[in-house]
Amino acid sequence: MECTVSWTGGAGTRSPMGFVAETGSGHVVAMDGAPDEARPENGGRNQAPRPMELLLAGTGGCTAYDVVLILKRGRHDVRGCTVRLSSERAAVDPKIFTKIHMQFTVTGKGIPASAVERAIALSHEKYCSASIMLGQMAEITTGFELIEVA
């Protein structure tokens, strides 16, 4: 897996702390920093997600992918899956994630709650490299809601 991150800041640019990531799969993602009132030249312009937000979003995507795939492989009629992530970070640099909560909402027909619980556990214990990696330094908790559709 590869990725190239390039600084797009500098004189005359929209944000002095803007970056663009070009992934090995050929996709482009913009990133920006938070504004810095005390030193504007060191801050961003809030024109794109922060890098740490993308790390959190990537982790959510990784685990949601696993949950859907595990449920589908179990021949469950899954129709939707969202995961809302909330986090806390350390107060001082390097301001790592210290707590992450993932709240899943799974929509489907006839899916037992035990299957959703198992899929989430398998993702976090075996398959989702992102959450397993972050779990080495942050306390990760999960919850879920199962919505039955006709």
N, C-alpha and C. Protein backbone atom coordinates (compact mmCIF):
# COMPACT_ATOMS: atom_id res chain seq x y z
N MET A 1 0.85 -1.17 0.00
CA MET A 1 0.00 0.00 0.00
C MET A 1 0.89 1.23 0.00
N GLU A 2 0.53 2.20 -0.80
CA GLU A 2 1.31 3.42 -0.91
C GLU A 2 0.42 4.65 -0.88
N CYS A 3 1.02 5.76 -0.51
CA CYS A 3 0.31 7.04 -0.51
C CYS A 3 1.36 8.14 -0.57
N THR A 4 1.07 9.18 -1.33
CA THR A 4 1.95 10.34 -1.40
C THR A 4 1.17 11.55 -0.90
N VAL A 5 1.72 12.22 0.09
CA VAL A 5 1.08 13.42 0.64
C VAL A 5 1.93 14.62 0.26
N SER A 6 1.29 15.61 -0.37
CA SER A 6 2.00 16.80 -0.83
C SER A 6 1.41 18.05 -0.18
N TRP A 7 2.28 18.91 0.25
CA TRP A 7 1.87 20.20 0.81
C TRP A 7 1.41 21.10 -0.33
N THR A 8 0.24 21.67 -0.17
CA THR A 8 -0.30 22.58 -1.19
C THR A 8 -0.27 24.02 -0.72
N GLY A 9 0.28 24.24 0.47
CA GLY A 9 0.35 25.60 1.03
C GLY A 9 1.44 26.42 0.40
N GLY A 10 1.59 27.58 0.91
CA GLY A 10 2.60 28.49 0.39
C GLY A 10 1.97 29.81 -0.01
N ALA A 11 2.78 30.70 -0.47
CA ALA A 11 2.32 32.04 -0.85
C ALA A 11 1.25 31.97 -1.92
N GLY A 12 0.17 32.69 -1.69
CA GLY A 12 -0.91 32.79 -2.67
C GLY A 12 -1.86 31.60 -2.71
N THR A 13 -1.71 30.65 -1.80
CA THR A 13 -2.62 29.50 -1.79
C THR A 13 -3.80 29.75 -0.88
N ARG A 14 -4.81 28.90 -1.02
CA ARG A 14 -6.02 29.04 -0.21
C ARG A 14 -5.77 28.76 1.26
N SER A 15 -4.85 27.85 1.56
CA SER A 15 -4.57 27.52 2.95
C SER A 15 -3.08 27.27 3.12
N PRO A 16 -2.45 27.94 4.11
CA PRO A 16 -1.02 27.72 4.32
C PRO A 16 -0.71 26.32 4.85
N MET A 17 -1.70 25.59 5.33
CA MET A 17 -1.46 24.25 5.86
C MET A 17 -2.33 23.20 5.17
N GLY A 18 -2.52 23.37 3.87
CA GLY A 18 -3.27 22.40 3.09
C GLY A 18 -2.36 21.30 2.55
N PHE A 19 -2.90 20.11 2.42
CA PHE A 19 -2.17 18.96 1.89
C PHE A 19 -3.11 18.16 1.01
N VAL A 20 -2.55 17.43 0.07
CA VAL A 20 -3.31 16.51 -0.77
C VAL A 20 -2.65 15.15 -0.69
N ALA A 21 -3.44 14.13 -0.41
CA ALA A 21 -2.94 12.76 -0.40
C ALA A 21 -3.39 12.07 -1.68
N GLU A 22 -2.44 11.47 -2.36
CA GLU A 22 -2.74 10.66 -3.54
C GLU A 22 -2.47 9.21 -3.17
N THR A 23 -3.53 8.40 -3.18
CA THR A 23 -3.41 7.02 -2.74
C THR A 23 -2.90 6.13 -3.85
N GLY A 24 -2.39 4.99 -3.47
CA GLY A 24 -1.89 4.03 -4.43
C GLY A 24 -2.97 3.51 -5.37
N SER A 25 -4.23 3.61 -4.94
CA SER A 25 -5.34 3.17 -5.79
C SER A 25 -5.83 4.27 -6.71
N GLY A 26 -5.14 5.41 -6.69
CA GLY A 26 -5.45 6.48 -7.63
C GLY A 26 -6.47 7.50 -7.18
N HIS A 27 -6.74 7.58 -5.89
CA HIS A 27 -7.70 8.54 -5.37
C HIS A 27 -6.99 9.70 -4.69
N VAL A 28 -7.67 10.83 -4.63
CA VAL A 28 -7.10 12.04 -4.05
C VAL A 28 -7.98 12.50 -2.89
N VAL A 29 -7.34 12.84 -1.78
CA VAL A 29 -8.05 13.33 -0.60
C VAL A 29 -7.34 14.60 -0.13
N ALA A 30 -8.12 15.67 0.05
CA ALA A 30 -7.57 16.93 0.57
C ALA A 30 -7.60 16.90 2.09
N MET A 31 -6.62 17.58 2.69
CA MET A 31 -6.56 17.74 4.14
C MET A 31 -6.19 19.18 4.45
N ASP A 32 -6.63 19.67 5.60
CA ASP A 32 -6.29 21.02 6.02
C ASP A 32 -6.21 21.04 7.53
N GLY A 33 -5.57 22.06 8.03
CA GLY A 33 -5.44 22.24 9.47
C GLY A 33 -6.48 23.20 10.00
N ALA A 34 -6.57 23.24 11.31
CA ALA A 34 -7.46 24.18 11.97
C ALA A 34 -6.84 25.57 11.92
N PRO A 35 -7.65 26.61 11.85
CA PRO A 35 -7.10 27.97 11.90
C PRO A 35 -6.35 28.21 13.20
N ASP A 36 -5.27 28.98 13.13
CA ASP A 36 -4.48 29.35 14.29
C ASP A 36 -4.55 30.87 14.41
N GLU A 37 -5.38 31.34 15.32
CA GLU A 37 -5.60 32.78 15.46
C GLU A 37 -4.33 33.52 15.86
N ALA A 38 -3.51 32.89 16.70
CA ALA A 38 -2.30 33.55 17.18
C ALA A 38 -1.22 33.63 16.10
N ARG A 39 -1.16 32.60 15.27
CA ARG A 39 -0.14 32.56 14.22
C ARG A 39 -0.79 32.06 12.93
N PRO A 40 -1.48 32.92 12.22
CA PRO A 40 -2.22 32.51 11.02
C PRO A 40 -1.37 31.77 9.98
N GLU A 41 -0.11 32.09 9.91
CA GLU A 41 0.76 31.42 8.93
C GLU A 41 0.98 29.94 9.27
N ASN A 42 0.70 29.55 10.51
CA ASN A 42 0.87 28.16 10.94
C ASN A 42 -0.44 27.37 10.93
N GLY A 43 -1.54 28.05 10.70
CA GLY A 43 -2.83 27.37 10.76
C GLY A 43 -3.41 27.13 9.38
N GLY A 44 -4.43 26.30 9.37
CA GLY A 44 -5.14 26.02 8.13
C GLY A 44 -6.30 26.98 7.96
N ARG A 45 -7.16 26.67 7.01
CA ARG A 45 -8.33 27.50 6.74
C ARG A 45 -9.63 26.70 6.86
N ASN A 46 -9.53 25.51 7.45
CA ASN A 46 -10.71 24.67 7.67
C ASN A 46 -11.44 24.37 6.36
N GLN A 47 -10.68 24.07 5.31
CA GLN A 47 -11.28 23.83 4.00
C GLN A 47 -11.33 22.35 3.64
N ALA A 48 -10.89 21.48 4.54
CA ALA A 48 -10.91 20.04 4.30
C ALA A 48 -10.78 19.36 5.65
N PRO A 49 -11.01 18.04 5.70
CA PRO A 49 -10.87 17.34 6.98
C PRO A 49 -9.45 17.42 7.51
N ARG A 50 -9.32 17.35 8.83
CA ARG A 50 -8.02 17.27 9.48
C ARG A 50 -7.48 15.85 9.28
N PRO A 51 -6.18 15.67 9.29
CA PRO A 51 -5.62 14.33 9.16
C PRO A 51 -6.14 13.35 10.21
N MET A 52 -6.29 13.79 11.44
CA MET A 52 -6.79 12.88 12.49
C MET A 52 -8.25 12.52 12.27
N GLU A 53 -9.03 13.42 11.67
CA GLU A 53 -10.41 13.08 11.32
C GLU A 53 -10.43 11.98 10.27
N LEU A 54 -9.50 12.07 9.31
CA LEU A 54 -9.44 11.04 8.28
C LEU A 54 -9.00 9.70 8.86
N LEU A 55 -8.13 9.73 9.85
CA LEU A 55 -7.73 8.49 10.52
C LEU A 55 -8.94 7.85 11.20
N LEU A 56 -9.74 8.66 11.86
CA LEU A 56 -10.95 8.16 12.51
C LEU A 56 -11.96 7.65 11.48
N ALA A 57 -12.15 8.40 10.40
CA ALA A 57 -13.07 8.00 9.34
C ALA A 57 -12.61 6.70 8.67
N GLY A 58 -11.31 6.58 8.44
CA GLY A 58 -10.78 5.35 7.85
C GLY A 58 -11.01 4.15 8.74
N THR A 59 -10.89 4.35 10.03
CA THR A 59 -11.14 3.26 10.97
C THR A 59 -12.61 2.87 10.94
N GLY A 60 -13.49 3.85 10.87
CA GLY A 60 -14.92 3.56 10.76
C GLY A 60 -15.24 2.82 9.48
N GLY A 61 -14.62 3.22 8.38
CA GLY A 61 -14.84 2.54 7.12
C GLY A 61 -14.35 1.10 7.15
N CYS A 62 -13.20 0.90 7.78
CA CYS A 62 -12.61 -0.44 7.88
C CYS A 62 -13.54 -1.38 8.66
N THR A 63 -14.02 -0.93 9.81
CA THR A 63 -14.85 -1.81 10.63
C THR A 63 -16.26 -1.98 10.04
N ALA A 64 -16.82 -0.94 9.44
CA ALA A 64 -18.15 -1.07 8.82
C ALA A 64 -18.08 -2.05 7.64
N TYR A 65 -17.02 -1.98 6.87
CA TYR A 65 -16.80 -2.92 5.77
C TYR A 65 -16.82 -4.36 6.29
N ASP A 66 -16.07 -4.59 7.37
CA ASP A 66 -16.02 -5.93 7.97
C ASP A 66 -17.40 -6.39 8.42
N VAL A 67 -18.11 -5.53 9.13
CA VAL A 67 -19.41 -5.91 9.68
C VAL A 67 -20.38 -6.30 8.56
N VAL A 68 -20.44 -5.49 7.51
CA VAL A 68 -21.33 -5.81 6.39
C VAL A 68 -20.91 -7.12 5.73
N LEU A 69 -19.62 -7.29 5.48
CA LEU A 69 -19.14 -8.50 4.81
C LEU A 69 -19.41 -9.74 5.65
N ILE A 70 -19.17 -9.67 6.95
CA ILE A 70 -19.42 -10.81 7.84
C ILE A 70 -20.90 -11.15 7.85
N LEU A 71 -21.76 -10.15 7.94
CA LEU A 71 -23.21 -10.41 7.92
C LEU A 71 -23.66 -11.00 6.59
N LYS A 72 -23.14 -10.46 5.49
CA LYS A 72 -23.50 -10.99 4.17
C LYS A 72 -23.01 -12.43 3.99
N ARG A 73 -21.82 -12.70 4.45
CA ARG A 73 -21.29 -14.08 4.35
C ARG A 73 -22.10 -15.05 5.20
N GLY A 74 -22.73 -14.53 6.25
CA GLY A 74 -23.60 -15.34 7.08
C GLY A 74 -25.01 -15.44 6.51
N ARG A 75 -25.18 -14.94 5.29
CA ARG A 75 -26.44 -14.95 4.55
C ARG A 75 -27.56 -14.17 5.26
N HIS A 76 -27.15 -13.11 5.95
CA HIS A 76 -28.13 -12.25 6.59
C HIS A 76 -28.55 -11.16 5.61
N ASP A 77 -29.80 -10.75 5.71
CA ASP A 77 -30.36 -9.75 4.80
C ASP A 77 -30.07 -8.35 5.34
N VAL A 78 -28.79 -7.95 5.20
CA VAL A 78 -28.38 -6.62 5.68
C VAL A 78 -28.68 -5.59 4.60
N ARG A 79 -29.31 -4.50 5.00
CA ARG A 79 -29.71 -3.46 4.05
C ARG A 79 -28.97 -2.14 4.27
N GLY A 80 -28.42 -1.97 5.46
CA GLY A 80 -27.70 -0.73 5.76
C GLY A 80 -26.82 -0.89 6.97
N CYS A 81 -25.76 -0.11 7.00
CA CYS A 81 -24.86 -0.11 8.16
C CYS A 81 -24.19 1.25 8.24
N THR A 82 -24.33 1.88 9.37
CA THR A 82 -23.60 3.11 9.64
C THR A 82 -22.88 2.94 10.97
N VAL A 83 -21.80 3.66 11.12
CA VAL A 83 -21.10 3.66 12.40
C VAL A 83 -20.73 5.10 12.70
N ARG A 84 -21.13 5.54 13.88
CA ARG A 84 -20.80 6.90 14.34
C ARG A 84 -19.67 6.77 15.34
N LEU A 85 -18.57 7.44 15.05
CA LEU A 85 -17.41 7.37 15.91
C LEU A 85 -17.27 8.66 16.69
N SER A 86 -17.04 8.54 17.98
CA SER A 86 -16.72 9.70 18.80
C SER A 86 -15.42 9.38 19.52
N SER A 87 -14.62 10.39 19.72
CA SER A 87 -13.30 10.12 20.29
C SER A 87 -12.89 11.19 21.28
N GLU A 88 -11.91 10.82 22.08
CA GLU A 88 -11.24 11.76 22.97
C GLU A 88 -9.76 11.65 22.67
N ARG A 89 -9.06 12.79 22.77
CA ARG A 89 -7.63 12.80 22.50
C ARG A 89 -6.89 13.32 23.72
N ALA A 90 -5.63 12.96 23.82
CA ALA A 90 -4.78 13.46 24.90
C ALA A 90 -4.69 14.98 24.81
N ALA A 91 -4.53 15.62 25.94
CA ALA A 91 -4.50 17.09 26.00
C ALA A 91 -3.17 17.66 25.52
N VAL A 92 -2.11 16.87 25.56
CA VAL A 92 -0.79 17.37 25.16
C VAL A 92 -0.25 16.55 23.99
N ASP A 93 0.67 17.14 23.27
CA ASP A 93 1.28 16.46 22.13
C ASP A 93 1.91 15.15 22.58
N PRO A 94 1.73 14.10 21.83
CA PRO A 94 1.26 14.03 20.46
C PRO A 94 -0.26 13.92 20.30
N LYS A 95 -1.03 14.18 21.31
CA LYS A 95 -2.49 14.22 21.25
C LYS A 95 -3.10 13.00 20.56
N ILE A 96 -2.65 11.83 21.02
CA ILE A 96 -3.17 10.58 20.47
C ILE A 96 -4.61 10.37 20.90
N PHE A 97 -5.30 9.50 20.19
CA PHE A 97 -6.63 9.09 20.62
C PHE A 97 -6.48 8.31 21.92
N THR A 98 -7.28 8.64 22.92
CA THR A 98 -7.27 7.91 24.18
C THR A 98 -8.53 7.07 24.34
N LYS A 99 -9.62 7.52 23.75
CA LYS A 99 -10.89 6.78 23.79
C LYS A 99 -11.59 6.93 22.46
N ILE A 100 -12.16 5.83 21.98
CA ILE A 100 -12.96 5.86 20.76
C ILE A 100 -14.20 5.00 21.01
N HIS A 101 -15.36 5.57 20.74
CA HIS A 101 -16.59 4.79 20.82
C HIS A 101 -17.18 4.68 19.42
N MET A 102 -17.55 3.47 19.06
CA MET A 102 -18.16 3.21 17.75
C MET A 102 -19.58 2.72 17.98
N GLN A 103 -20.54 3.49 17.50
CA GLN A 103 -21.95 3.14 17.65
C GLN A 103 -22.49 2.76 16.27
N PHE A 104 -22.78 1.48 16.09
CA PHE A 104 -23.26 0.95 14.83
C PHE A 104 -24.78 0.99 14.76
N THR A 105 -25.30 1.25 13.60
CA THR A 105 -26.73 1.08 13.31
C THR A 105 -26.80 0.16 12.10
N VAL A 106 -27.35 -1.01 12.32
CA VAL A 106 -27.48 -2.01 11.26
C VAL A 106 -28.95 -2.17 10.93
N THR A 107 -29.26 -2.05 9.66
CA THR A 107 -30.63 -2.20 9.18
C THR A 107 -30.72 -3.45 8.34
N GLY A 108 -31.79 -4.21 8.56
CA GLY A 108 -31.95 -5.43 7.77
C GLY A 108 -33.22 -6.15 8.13
N LYS A 109 -33.36 -7.32 7.54
CA LYS A 109 -34.57 -8.12 7.75
C LYS A 109 -34.18 -9.45 8.39
N GLY A 110 -34.71 -9.67 9.59
CA GLY A 110 -34.50 -10.95 10.27
C GLY A 110 -33.09 -11.20 10.76
N ILE A 111 -32.32 -10.17 10.99
CA ILE A 111 -30.94 -10.36 11.47
C ILE A 111 -30.98 -10.49 13.00
N PRO A 112 -30.47 -11.59 13.52
CA PRO A 112 -30.42 -11.72 14.98
C PRO A 112 -29.40 -10.74 15.58
N ALA A 113 -29.73 -10.20 16.73
CA ALA A 113 -28.81 -9.30 17.41
C ALA A 113 -27.48 -9.99 17.67
N SER A 114 -27.51 -11.27 17.94
CA SER A 114 -26.27 -12.01 18.21
C SER A 114 -25.35 -12.02 16.99
N ALA A 115 -25.91 -12.02 15.79
CA ALA A 115 -25.09 -11.99 14.57
C ALA A 115 -24.39 -10.65 14.43
N VAL A 116 -25.09 -9.56 14.75
CA VAL A 116 -24.48 -8.23 14.69
C VAL A 116 -23.38 -8.12 15.74
N GLU A 117 -23.67 -8.56 16.93
CA GLU A 117 -22.70 -8.53 18.01
C GLU A 117 -21.44 -9.32 17.63
N ARG A 118 -21.64 -10.49 17.04
CA ARG A 118 -20.52 -11.33 16.61
C ARG A 118 -19.72 -10.65 15.50
N ALA A 119 -20.40 -10.05 14.54
CA ALA A 119 -19.71 -9.38 13.42
C ALA A 119 -18.84 -8.23 13.93
N ILE A 120 -19.38 -7.46 14.86
CA ILE A 120 -18.62 -6.34 15.43
C ILE A 120 -17.40 -6.88 16.19
N ALA A 121 -17.61 -7.92 16.99
CA ALA A 121 -16.50 -8.50 17.75
C ALA A 121 -15.42 -9.06 16.83
N LEU A 122 -15.81 -9.78 15.78
CA LEU A 122 -14.83 -10.32 14.84
C LEU A 122 -14.04 -9.21 14.17
N SER A 123 -14.73 -8.14 13.80
CA SER A 123 -14.04 -7.01 13.18
C SER A 123 -12.98 -6.46 14.12
N HIS A 124 -13.33 -6.25 15.37
CA HIS A 124 -12.42 -5.60 16.32
C HIS A 124 -11.36 -6.52 16.89
N GLU A 125 -11.61 -7.82 16.83
CA GLU A 125 -10.64 -8.75 17.39
C GLU A 125 -9.74 -9.39 16.34
N LYS A 126 -10.22 -9.44 15.06
CA LYS A 126 -9.49 -10.22 14.07
C LYS A 126 -9.23 -9.51 12.74
N TYR A 127 -10.20 -8.75 12.23
CA TYR A 127 -10.11 -8.30 10.84
C TYR A 127 -9.76 -6.82 10.63
N CYS A 128 -10.27 -5.93 11.43
CA CYS A 128 -10.07 -4.50 11.16
C CYS A 128 -8.71 -4.04 11.68
N SER A 129 -7.75 -3.99 10.76
CA SER A 129 -6.39 -3.63 11.15
C SER A 129 -6.33 -2.22 11.75
N ALA A 130 -7.17 -1.33 11.28
CA ALA A 130 -7.16 0.04 11.79
C ALA A 130 -7.59 0.10 13.25
N SER A 131 -8.72 -0.53 13.58
CA SER A 131 -9.18 -0.46 14.97
C SER A 131 -8.30 -1.30 15.89
N ILE A 132 -7.75 -2.39 15.38
CA ILE A 132 -6.84 -3.19 16.21
C ILE A 132 -5.58 -2.38 16.51
N MET A 133 -5.07 -1.67 15.52
CA MET A 133 -3.89 -0.84 15.72
C MET A 133 -4.18 0.29 16.71
N LEU A 134 -5.28 1.02 16.50
CA LEU A 134 -5.62 2.12 17.41
C LEU A 134 -5.93 1.60 18.81
N GLY A 135 -6.45 0.38 18.90
CA GLY A 135 -6.76 -0.22 20.19
C GLY A 135 -5.53 -0.49 21.04
N GLN A 136 -4.34 -0.42 20.42
CA GLN A 136 -3.11 -0.60 21.18
C GLN A 136 -2.84 0.60 22.10
N MET A 137 -3.47 1.76 21.77
CA MET A 137 -3.21 2.94 22.59
C MET A 137 -4.49 3.61 23.08
N ALA A 138 -5.62 3.30 22.48
CA ALA A 138 -6.89 3.93 22.87
C ALA A 138 -7.86 2.87 23.36
N GLU A 139 -8.67 3.25 24.31
CA GLU A 139 -9.75 2.37 24.75
C GLU A 139 -10.87 2.46 23.71
N ILE A 140 -11.19 1.33 23.09
CA ILE A 140 -12.25 1.31 22.08
C ILE A 140 -13.44 0.57 22.63
N THR A 141 -14.60 1.23 22.57
CA THR A 141 -15.85 0.61 22.98
C THR A 141 -16.81 0.64 21.80
N THR A 142 -17.76 -0.28 21.82
CA THR A 142 -18.73 -0.38 20.74
C THR A 142 -20.13 -0.55 21.30
N GLY A 143 -21.09 -0.20 20.48
CA GLY A 143 -22.50 -0.45 20.78
C GLY A 143 -23.21 -0.57 19.44
N PHE A 144 -24.44 -1.07 19.48
CA PHE A 144 -25.16 -1.17 18.22
C PHE A 144 -26.67 -1.08 18.44
N GLU A 145 -27.32 -0.66 17.38
CA GLU A 145 -28.78 -0.66 17.29
C GLU A 145 -29.12 -1.44 16.04
N LEU A 146 -30.09 -2.32 16.16
CA LEU A 146 -30.54 -3.13 15.05
C LEU A 146 -31.93 -2.68 14.65
N ILE A 147 -32.10 -2.27 13.40
CA ILE A 147 -33.37 -1.78 12.91
C ILE A 147 -33.95 -2.80 11.93
N GLU A 148 -35.12 -3.28 12.24
CA GLU A 148 -35.81 -4.28 11.40
C GLU A 148 -36.60 -3.55 10.32
N VAL A 149 -36.45 -4.01 9.07
CA VAL A 149 -37.22 -3.46 7.95
C VAL A 149 -38.11 -4.55 7.38
N ALA A 150 -39.15 -4.12 6.72
CA ALA A 150 -40.10 -5.09 6.14
C ALA A 150 -39.57 -5.64 4.83
